[in-house]
Structures are given as C-alpha cells and as structure tokens.
Amino acid sequence: MKKLRLIIISFIFMFTCTLNIKAKELDVYLFHSDTCPHCAEEREYLESIKNEQELNIHYFEVSKFPSSTDKVRKGLKIDNSYVPITIIG
C-alpha cells in the first residue's frame, strides 16, 4: 500500500512539473525622452512583445513631466536621470 502511494505521489509530482505554467502580467517601467532615438527603439520593441509576454508597460516621459517622474524615480530608488531606464518587475 505504501509503495502504491509513493508511485501515485511520484506520478503526480512528475506530471505537475511538466506543466507549462504562465506567469501573471509583468510590470515594466520605462523612463524615456521623446527626443532619444534609443528610447524610441526600446518603446517599439516593448510594444512588439507586449501581448506575447503579457507585459503591463508604464511609460514616463522625463523631459515633459520632470516633477511627476522624480516622485516615481524616488519610489523605485533610481538615482540617475539618464534615459532609457527600464525597470522590470
């Protein structure tokens, strides 16, 4: 009886380990500038994988709204003001 239980538990464990488990949506924070060509490339790339990877993208334009982006930077503990800056998670 114990061997049967062990076999069943082993089978369940092996079956659950092989399941393809998807993660929940992932938050991505992108600090960018409209005049930065690297930022434009990164925005384009993130938009292209957004649905495939289930990304929740938050864009922060640093040159237009410096006071609001400063609050977010402090909350995320970002020390510099360079762009692009991408925070994942």
PDB file of N, CA and C in Angstrom:
ATOM      1  N   MET A   1       0.821  -1.188   0.000  1.00  0.00           N
ATOM      2  CA  MET A   1       0.000   0.000   0.000  1.00  0.00           C
ATOM      3  C   MET A   1       0.873   1.264   0.000  1.00  0.00           C
ATOM      4  N   LYS A   2       1.967   1.232   0.781  1.00  0.00           N
ATOM      5  CA  LYS A   2       2.858   2.382   0.832  1.00  0.00           C
ATOM      6  C   LYS A   2       3.560   2.595  -0.503  1.00  0.00           C
ATOM      7  N   LYS A   3       3.907   1.501  -1.163  1.00  0.00           N
ATOM      8  CA  LYS A   3       4.560   1.615  -2.469  1.00  0.00           C
ATOM      9  C   LYS A   3       3.602   2.226  -3.493  1.00  0.00           C
ATOM     10  N   LEU A   4       2.355   1.838  -3.436  1.00  0.00           N
ATOM     11  CA  LEU A   4       1.358   2.382  -4.354  1.00  0.00           C
ATOM     12  C   LEU A   4       1.190   3.891  -4.130  1.00  0.00           C
ATOM     13  N   ARG A   5       1.121   4.297  -2.863  1.00  0.00           N
ATOM     14  CA  ARG A   5       1.022   5.714  -2.543  1.00  0.00           C
ATOM     15  C   ARG A   5       2.233   6.471  -3.055  1.00  0.00           C
ATOM     16  N   LEU A   6       3.396   5.911  -2.869  1.00  0.00           N
ATOM     17  CA  LEU A   6       4.627   6.546  -3.324  1.00  0.00           C
ATOM     18  C   LEU A   6       4.650   6.681  -4.849  1.00  0.00           C
ATOM     19  N   ILE A   7       4.203   5.664  -5.544  1.00  0.00           N
ATOM     20  CA  ILE A   7       4.143   5.710  -7.005  1.00  0.00           C
ATOM     21  C   ILE A   7       3.155   6.784  -7.469  1.00  0.00           C
ATOM     22  N   ILE A   8       2.002   6.841  -6.839  1.00  0.00           N
ATOM     23  CA  ILE A   8       0.994   7.844  -7.213  1.00  0.00           C
ATOM     24  C   ILE A   8       1.516   9.254  -6.935  1.00  0.00           C
ATOM     25  N   ILE A   9       2.116   9.464  -5.798  1.00  0.00           N
ATOM     26  CA  ILE A   9       2.664  10.786  -5.465  1.00  0.00           C
ATOM     27  C   ILE A   9       3.785  11.162  -6.431  1.00  0.00           C
ATOM     28  N   SER A  10       4.616  10.207  -6.765  1.00  0.00           N
ATOM     29  CA  SER A  10       5.697  10.466  -7.724  1.00  0.00           C
ATOM     30  C   SER A  10       5.135  10.827  -9.094  1.00  0.00           C
ATOM     31  N   PHE A  11       4.102  10.128  -9.523  1.00  0.00           N
ATOM     32  CA  PHE A  11       3.485  10.408 -10.812  1.00  0.00           C
ATOM     33  C   PHE A  11       2.872  11.806 -10.822  1.00  0.00           C
ATOM     34  N   ILE A  12       2.167  12.152  -9.759  1.00  0.00           N
ATOM     35  CA  ILE A  12       1.565  13.489  -9.668  1.00  0.00           C
ATOM     36  C   ILE A  12       2.644  14.563  -9.683  1.00  0.00           C
ATOM     37  N   PHE A  13       3.710  14.351  -8.960  1.00  0.00           N
ATOM     38  CA  PHE A  13       4.803  15.321  -8.920  1.00  0.00           C
ATOM     39  C   PHE A  13       5.429  15.496 -10.306  1.00  0.00           C
ATOM     40  N   MET A  14       5.688  14.384 -10.994  1.00  0.00           N
ATOM     41  CA  MET A  14       6.287  14.462 -12.327  1.00  0.00           C
ATOM     42  C   MET A  14       5.340  15.150 -13.304  1.00  0.00           C
ATOM     43  N   PHE A  15       4.050  14.890 -13.195  1.00  0.00           N
ATOM     44  CA  PHE A  15       3.068  15.495 -14.094  1.00  0.00           C
ATOM     45  C   PHE A  15       2.973  16.995 -13.865  1.00  0.00           C
ATOM     46  N   THR A  16       2.933  17.434 -12.628  1.00  0.00           N
ATOM     47  CA  THR A  16       2.808  18.865 -12.345  1.00  0.00           C
ATOM     48  C   THR A  16       4.075  19.626 -12.693  1.00  0.00           C
ATOM     49  N   CYS A  17       5.221  18.981 -12.656  1.00  0.00           N
ATOM     50  CA  CYS A  17       6.472  19.651 -13.008  1.00  0.00           C
ATOM     51  C   CYS A  17       6.592  19.886 -14.504  1.00  0.00           C
ATOM     52  N   THR A  18       5.885  19.113 -15.293  1.00  0.00           N
ATOM     53  CA  THR A  18       5.986  19.265 -16.747  1.00  0.00           C
ATOM     54  C   THR A  18       4.938  20.211 -17.315  1.00  0.00           C
ATOM     55  N   LEU A  19       4.027  20.706 -16.484  1.00  0.00           N
ATOM     56  CA  LEU A  19       3.017  21.638 -16.971  1.00  0.00           C
ATOM     57  C   LEU A  19       3.658  22.965 -17.336  1.00  0.00           C
ATOM     58  N   ASN A  20       3.141  23.595 -18.348  1.00  0.00           N
ATOM     59  CA  ASN A  20       3.619  24.909 -18.759  1.00  0.00           C
ATOM     60  C   ASN A  20       2.844  25.953 -17.964  1.00  0.00           C
ATOM     61  N   ILE A  21       3.467  26.475 -16.934  1.00  0.00           N
ATOM     62  CA  ILE A  21       2.811  27.433 -16.053  1.00  0.00           C
ATOM     63  C   ILE A  21       3.196  28.839 -16.499  1.00  0.00           C
ATOM     64  N   LYS A  22       2.197  29.644 -16.821  1.00  0.00           N
ATOM     65  CA  LYS A  22       2.451  31.010 -17.257  1.00  0.00           C
ATOM     66  C   LYS A  22       2.434  31.939 -16.051  1.00  0.00           C
ATOM     67  N   ALA A  23       3.317  32.924 -16.100  1.00  0.00           N
ATOM     68  CA  ALA A  23       3.352  33.930 -15.049  1.00  0.00           C
ATOM     69  C   ALA A  23       2.231  34.934 -15.271  1.00  0.00           C
ATOM     70  N   LYS A  24       1.934  35.657 -14.212  1.00  0.00           N
ATOM     71  CA  LYS A  24       0.955  36.725 -14.326  1.00  0.00           C
ATOM     72  C   LYS A  24       1.573  37.858 -15.125  1.00  0.00           C
ATOM     73  N   GLU A  25       0.779  38.885 -15.376  1.00  0.00           N
ATOM     74  CA  GLU A  25       1.299  40.032 -16.104  1.00  0.00           C
ATOM     75  C   GLU A  25       2.494  40.619 -15.355  1.00  0.00           C
ATOM     76  N   LEU A  26       3.440  41.085 -16.121  1.00  0.00           N
ATOM     77  CA  LEU A  26       4.664  41.636 -15.569  1.00  0.00           C
ATOM     78  C   LEU A  26       4.677  43.138 -15.792  1.00  0.00           C
ATOM     79  N   ASP A  27       4.939  43.913 -14.732  1.00  0.00           N
ATOM     80  CA  ASP A  27       5.027  45.363 -14.850  1.00  0.00           C
ATOM     81  C   ASP A  27       6.403  45.759 -15.340  1.00  0.00           C
ATOM     82  N   VAL A  28       6.416  46.646 -16.336  1.00  0.00           N
ATOM     83  CA  VAL A  28       7.655  47.191 -16.892  1.00  0.00           C
ATOM     84  C   VAL A  28       7.528  48.708 -16.864  1.00  0.00           C
ATOM     85  N   TYR A  29       8.519  49.376 -16.275  1.00  0.00           N
ATOM     86  CA  TYR A  29       8.532  50.833 -16.186  1.00  0.00           C
ATOM     87  C   TYR A  29       9.634  51.348 -17.102  1.00  0.00           C
ATOM     88  N   LEU A  30       9.262  52.210 -18.056  1.00  0.00           N
ATOM     89  CA  LEU A  30      10.230  52.755 -18.992  1.00  0.00           C
ATOM     90  C   LEU A  30      10.284  54.273 -18.847  1.00  0.00           C
ATOM     91  N   PHE A  31      11.443  54.771 -18.437  1.00  0.00           N
ATOM     92  CA  PHE A  31      11.693  56.206 -18.377  1.00  0.00           C
ATOM     93  C   PHE A  31      12.371  56.580 -19.685  1.00  0.00           C
ATOM     94  N   HIS A  32      11.774  57.504 -20.427  1.00  0.00           N
ATOM     95  CA  HIS A  32      12.258  57.804 -21.773  1.00  0.00           C
ATOM     96  C   HIS A  32      12.116  59.289 -22.073  1.00  0.00           C
ATOM     97  N   SER A  33      12.675  59.667 -23.203  1.00  0.00           N
ATOM     98  CA  SER A  33      12.525  61.017 -23.734  1.00  0.00           C
ATOM     99  C   SER A  33      12.085  60.894 -25.192  1.00  0.00           C
ATOM    100  N   ASP A  34      11.212  61.804 -25.601  1.00  0.00           N
ATOM    101  CA  ASP A  34      10.724  61.759 -26.982  1.00  0.00           C
ATOM    102  C   ASP A  34      11.817  62.052 -27.997  1.00  0.00           C
ATOM    103  N   THR A  35      12.892  62.723 -27.572  1.00  0.00           N
ATOM    104  CA  THR A  35      13.967  63.082 -28.494  1.00  0.00           C
ATOM    105  C   THR A  35      15.094  62.049 -28.542  1.00  0.00           C
ATOM    106  N   CYS A  36      15.000  61.013 -27.754  1.00  0.00           N
ATOM    107  CA  CYS A  36      16.054  59.995 -27.675  1.00  0.00           C
ATOM    108  C   CYS A  36      15.782  58.863 -28.670  1.00  0.00           C
ATOM    109  N   PRO A  37      16.692  58.618 -29.624  1.00  0.00           N
ATOM    110  CA  PRO A  37      16.458  57.538 -30.598  1.00  0.00           C
ATOM    111  C   PRO A  37      16.500  56.147 -29.966  1.00  0.00           C
ATOM    112  N   HIS A  38      17.317  55.965 -28.925  1.00  0.00           N
ATOM    113  CA  HIS A  38      17.382  54.662 -28.253  1.00  0.00           C
ATOM    114  C   HIS A  38      16.077  54.370 -27.511  1.00  0.00           C
ATOM    115  N   CYS A  39      15.499  55.421 -26.951  1.00  0.00           N
ATOM    116  CA  CYS A  39      14.218  55.270 -26.258  1.00  0.00           C
ATOM    117  C   CYS A  39      13.123  54.860 -27.234  1.00  0.00           C
ATOM    118  N   ALA A  40      13.128  55.463 -28.413  1.00  0.00           N
ATOM    119  CA  ALA A  40      12.125  55.127 -29.432  1.00  0.00           C
ATOM    120  C   ALA A  40      12.250  53.659 -29.845  1.00  0.00           C
ATOM    121  N   GLU A  41      13.478  53.187 -30.004  1.00  0.00           N
ATOM    122  CA  GLU A  41      13.691  51.780 -30.352  1.00  0.00           C
ATOM    123  C   GLU A  41      13.194  50.860 -29.247  1.00  0.00           C
ATOM    124  N   GLU A  42      13.458  51.239 -28.009  1.00  0.00           N
ATOM    125  CA  GLU A  42      13.027  50.390 -26.899  1.00  0.00           C
ATOM    126  C   GLU A  42      11.507  50.383 -26.764  1.00  0.00           C
ATOM    127  N   ARG A  43      10.866  51.532 -26.936  1.00  0.00           N
ATOM    128  CA  ARG A  43       9.400  51.584 -26.898  1.00  0.00           C
ATOM    129  C   ARG A  43       8.808  50.699 -27.985  1.00  0.00           C
ATOM    130  N   GLU A  44       9.372  50.775 -29.173  1.00  0.00           N
ATOM    131  CA  GLU A  44       8.902  49.962 -30.298  1.00  0.00           C
ATOM    132  C   GLU A  44       9.056  48.471 -29.992  1.00  0.00           C
ATOM    133  N   TYR A  45      10.193  48.097 -29.431  1.00  0.00           N
ATOM    134  CA  TYR A  45      10.431  46.684 -29.094  1.00  0.00           C
ATOM    135  C   TYR A  45       9.454  46.209 -28.019  1.00  0.00           C
ATOM    136  N   LEU A  46       9.284  47.007 -26.968  1.00  0.00           N
ATOM    137  CA  LEU A  46       8.377  46.608 -25.892  1.00  0.00           C
ATOM    138  C   LEU A  46       6.950  46.456 -26.401  1.00  0.00           C
ATOM    139  N   GLU A  47       6.525  47.347 -27.274  1.00  0.00           N
ATOM    140  CA  GLU A  47       5.181  47.238 -27.845  1.00  0.00           C
ATOM    141  C   GLU A  47       5.036  45.969 -28.688  1.00  0.00           C
ATOM    142  N   SER A  48       6.120  45.566 -29.364  1.00  0.00           N
ATOM    143  CA  SER A  48       6.040  44.376 -30.210  1.00  0.00           C
ATOM    144  C   SER A  48       5.922  43.080 -29.407  1.00  0.00           C
ATOM    145  N   ILE A  49       6.431  43.057 -28.178  1.00  0.00           N
ATOM    146  CA  ILE A  49       6.349  41.844 -27.357  1.00  0.00           C
ATOM    147  C   ILE A  49       5.330  41.954 -26.232  1.00  0.00           C
ATOM    148  N   LYS A  50       4.639  43.072 -26.163  1.00  0.00           N
ATOM    149  CA  LYS A  50       3.713  43.351 -25.070  1.00  0.00           C
ATOM    150  C   LYS A  50       2.676  42.253 -24.862  1.00  0.00           C
ATOM    151  N   ASN A  51       1.974  41.878 -25.896  1.00  0.00           N
ATOM    152  CA  ASN A  51       0.898  40.878 -25.768  1.00  0.00           C
ATOM    153  C   ASN A  51       1.444  39.466 -25.617  1.00  0.00           C
ATOM    154  N   GLU A  52       2.527  39.176 -26.304  1.00  0.00           N
ATOM    155  CA  GLU A  52       3.127  37.841 -26.251  1.00  0.00           C
ATOM    156  C   GLU A  52       3.649  37.516 -24.847  1.00  0.00           C
ATOM    157  N   GLN A  53       4.246  38.500 -24.198  1.00  0.00           N
ATOM    158  CA  GLN A  53       4.851  38.294 -22.881  1.00  0.00           C
ATOM    159  C   GLN A  53       3.964  38.756 -21.729  1.00  0.00           C
ATOM    160  N   GLU A  54       2.769  39.236 -22.038  1.00  0.00           N
ATOM    161  CA  GLU A  54       1.831  39.737 -21.034  1.00  0.00           C
ATOM    162  C   GLU A  54       2.469  40.831 -20.181  1.00  0.00           C
ATOM    163  N   LEU A  55       2.937  41.880 -20.839  1.00  0.00           N
ATOM    164  CA  LEU A  55       3.588  42.995 -20.158  1.00  0.00           C
ATOM    165  C   LEU A  55       2.588  44.109 -19.886  1.00  0.00           C
ATOM    166  N   ASN A  56       2.729  44.703 -18.748  1.00  0.00           N
ATOM    167  CA  ASN A  56       1.985  45.887 -18.356  1.00  0.00           C
ATOM    168  C   ASN A  56       2.999  47.030 -18.374  1.00  0.00           C
ATOM    169  N   ILE A  57       3.058  47.802 -19.453  1.00  0.00           N
ATOM    170  CA  ILE A  57       4.120  48.789 -19.634  1.00  0.00           C
ATOM    171  C   ILE A  57       3.656  50.157 -19.151  1.00  0.00           C
ATOM    172  N   HIS A  58       4.486  50.783 -18.308  1.00  0.00           N
ATOM    173  CA  HIS A  58       4.224  52.122 -17.788  1.00  0.00           C
ATOM    174  C   HIS A  58       5.293  53.045 -18.353  1.00  0.00           C
ATOM    175  N   TYR A  59       4.884  54.037 -19.143  1.00  0.00           N
ATOM    176  CA  TYR A  59       5.824  54.961 -19.771  1.00  0.00           C
ATOM    177  C   TYR A  59       5.889  56.259 -18.968  1.00  0.00           C
ATOM    178  N   PHE A  60       7.112  56.760 -18.792  1.00  0.00           N
ATOM    179  CA  PHE A  60       7.332  58.029 -18.104  1.00  0.00           C
ATOM    180  C   PHE A  60       8.232  58.894 -18.974  1.00  0.00           C
ATOM    181  N   GLU A  61       7.660  59.969 -19.525  1.00  0.00           N
ATOM    182  CA  GLU A  61       8.406  60.902 -20.374  1.00  0.00           C
ATOM    183  C   GLU A  61       9.093  61.904 -19.446  1.00  0.00           C
ATOM    184  N   VAL A  62      10.409  61.830 -19.331  1.00  0.00           N
ATOM    185  CA  VAL A  62      11.130  62.587 -18.309  1.00  0.00           C
ATOM    186  C   VAL A  62      11.283  64.071 -18.624  1.00  0.00           C
ATOM    187  N   SER A  63      11.303  64.463 -19.885  1.00  0.00           N
ATOM    188  CA  SER A  63      11.524  65.871 -20.195  1.00  0.00           C
ATOM    189  C   SER A  63      10.242  66.703 -20.089  1.00  0.00           C
ATOM    190  N   LYS A  64       9.090  66.099 -20.273  1.00  0.00           N
ATOM    191  CA  LYS A  64       7.829  66.845 -20.207  1.00  0.00           C
ATOM    192  C   LYS A  64       7.263  66.947 -18.795  1.00  0.00           C
ATOM    193  N   PHE A  65       7.462  65.898 -17.996  1.00  0.00           N
ATOM    194  CA  PHE A  65       6.884  65.860 -16.658  1.00  0.00           C
ATOM    195  C   PHE A  65       7.949  65.524 -15.619  1.00  0.00           C
ATOM    196  N   PRO A  66       8.934  66.410 -15.415  1.00  0.00           N
ATOM    197  CA  PRO A  66      10.037  66.061 -14.513  1.00  0.00           C
ATOM    198  C   PRO A  66       9.619  65.875 -13.057  1.00  0.00           C
ATOM    199  N   SER A  67       8.667  66.664 -12.565  1.00  0.00           N
ATOM    200  CA  SER A  67       8.297  66.541 -11.153  1.00  0.00           C
ATOM    201  C   SER A  67       7.579  65.219 -10.872  1.00  0.00           C
ATOM    202  N   SER A  68       6.691  64.796 -11.758  1.00  0.00           N
ATOM    203  CA  SER A  68       5.984  63.530 -11.523  1.00  0.00           C
ATOM    204  C   SER A  68       6.909  62.334 -11.704  1.00  0.00           C
ATOM    205  N   THR A  69       7.833  62.421 -12.676  1.00  0.00           N
ATOM    206  CA  THR A  69       8.758  61.297 -12.853  1.00  0.00           C
ATOM    207  C   THR A  69       9.773  61.234 -11.723  1.00  0.00           C
ATOM    208  N   ASP A  70      10.102  62.382 -11.116  1.00  0.00           N
ATOM    209  CA  ASP A  70      11.010  62.368  -9.968  1.00  0.00           C
ATOM    210  C   ASP A  70      10.415  61.600  -8.799  1.00  0.00           C
ATOM    211  N   LYS A  71       9.122  61.740  -8.586  1.00  0.00           N
ATOM    212  CA  LYS A  71       8.455  61.004  -7.495  1.00  0.00           C
ATOM    213  C   LYS A  71       8.514  59.497  -7.751  1.00  0.00           C
ATOM    214  N   VAL A  72       8.269  59.117  -8.982  1.00  0.00           N
ATOM    215  CA  VAL A  72       8.299  57.689  -9.325  1.00  0.00           C
ATOM    216  C   VAL A  72       9.724  57.168  -9.211  1.00  0.00           C
ATOM    217  N   ARG A  73      10.699  57.945  -9.679  1.00  0.00           N
ATOM    218  CA  ARG A  73      12.109  57.533  -9.571  1.00  0.00           C
ATOM    219  C   ARG A  73      12.509  57.296  -8.118  1.00  0.00           C
ATOM    220  N   LYS A  74      12.098  58.197  -7.247  1.00  0.00           N
ATOM    221  CA  LYS A  74      12.420  58.035  -5.821  1.00  0.00           C
ATOM    222  C   LYS A  74      11.764  56.783  -5.263  1.00  0.00           C
ATOM    223  N   GLY A  75      10.517  56.528  -5.659  1.00  0.00           N
ATOM    224  CA  GLY A  75       9.810  55.340  -5.193  1.00  0.00           C
ATOM    225  C   GLY A  75      10.463  54.049  -5.663  1.00  0.00           C
ATOM    226  N   LEU A  76      11.032  54.073  -6.877  1.00  0.00           N
ATOM    227  CA  LEU A  76      11.708  52.897  -7.417  1.00  0.00           C
ATOM    228  C   LEU A  76      13.202  52.882  -7.113  1.00  0.00           C
ATOM    229  N   LYS A  77      13.668  53.891  -6.373  1.00  0.00           N
ATOM    230  CA  LYS A  77      15.071  54.010  -5.947  1.00  0.00           C
ATOM    231  C   LYS A  77      16.027  54.089  -7.142  1.00  0.00           C
ATOM    232  N   ILE A  78      15.694  54.984  -8.086  1.00  0.00           N
ATOM    233  CA  ILE A  78      16.549  55.237  -9.236  1.00  0.00           C
ATOM    234  C   ILE A  78      17.319  56.519  -8.962  1.00  0.00           C
ATOM    235  N   ASP A  79      18.655  56.454  -9.023  1.00  0.00           N
ATOM    236  CA  ASP A  79      19.484  57.593  -8.662  1.00  0.00           C
ATOM    237  C   ASP A  79      19.847  58.500  -9.827  1.00  0.00           C
ATOM    238  N   ASN A  80      19.887  57.997 -11.031  1.00  0.00           N
ATOM    239  CA  ASN A  80      20.347  58.831 -12.142  1.00  0.00           C
ATOM    240  C   ASN A  80      19.179  59.320 -12.990  1.00  0.00           C
ATOM    241  N   SER A  81      19.486  60.214 -13.913  1.00  0.00           N
ATOM    242  CA  SER A  81      18.434  60.775 -14.768  1.00  0.00           C
ATOM    243  C   SER A  81      18.666  60.455 -16.244  1.00  0.00           C
ATOM    244  N   TYR A  82      19.442  59.443 -16.534  1.00  0.00           N
ATOM    245  CA  TYR A  82      19.698  59.037 -17.904  1.00  0.00           C
ATOM    246  C   TYR A  82      18.496  58.310 -18.491  1.00  0.00           C
ATOM    247  N   VAL A  83      18.396  58.301 -19.800  1.00  0.00           N
ATOM    248  CA  VAL A  83      17.338  57.547 -20.466  1.00  0.00           C
ATOM    249  C   VAL A  83      17.954  56.725 -21.586  1.00  0.00           C
ATOM    250  N   PRO A  84      17.391  55.633 -21.970  1.00  0.00           N
ATOM    251  CA  PRO A  84      16.237  54.988 -21.345  1.00  0.00           C
ATOM    252  C   PRO A  84      16.638  54.195 -20.103  1.00  0.00           C
ATOM    253  N   ILE A  85      15.728  54.145 -19.184  1.00  0.00           N
ATOM    254  CA  ILE A  85      15.873  53.300 -17.989  1.00  0.00           C
ATOM    255  C   ILE A  85      14.657  52.380 -17.968  1.00  0.00           C
ATOM    256  N   THR A  86      14.928  51.102 -17.841  1.00  0.00           N
ATOM    257  CA  THR A  86      13.845  50.113 -17.818  1.00  0.00           C
ATOM    258  C   THR A  86      13.903  49.343 -16.506  1.00  0.00           C
ATOM    259  N   ILE A  87      12.797  49.327 -15.801  1.00  0.00           N
ATOM    260  CA  ILE A  87      12.668  48.554 -14.562  1.00  0.00           C
ATOM    261  C   ILE A  87      11.661  47.445 -14.843  1.00  0.00           C
ATOM    262  N   ILE A  88      12.054  46.222 -14.576  1.00  0.00           N
ATOM    263  CA  ILE A  88      11.184  45.067 -14.814  1.00  0.00           C
ATOM    264  C   ILE A  88      10.786  44.466 -13.469  1.00  0.00           C
ATOM    265  N   GLY A  89       9.479  44.334 -13.278  1.00  0.00           N
ATOM    266  CA  GLY A  89       9.002  43.725 -12.047  1.00  0.00           C
ATOM    267  C   GLY A  89       8.425  44.722 -11.083  1.00  0.00           C
TER     268      GLY A  89
END
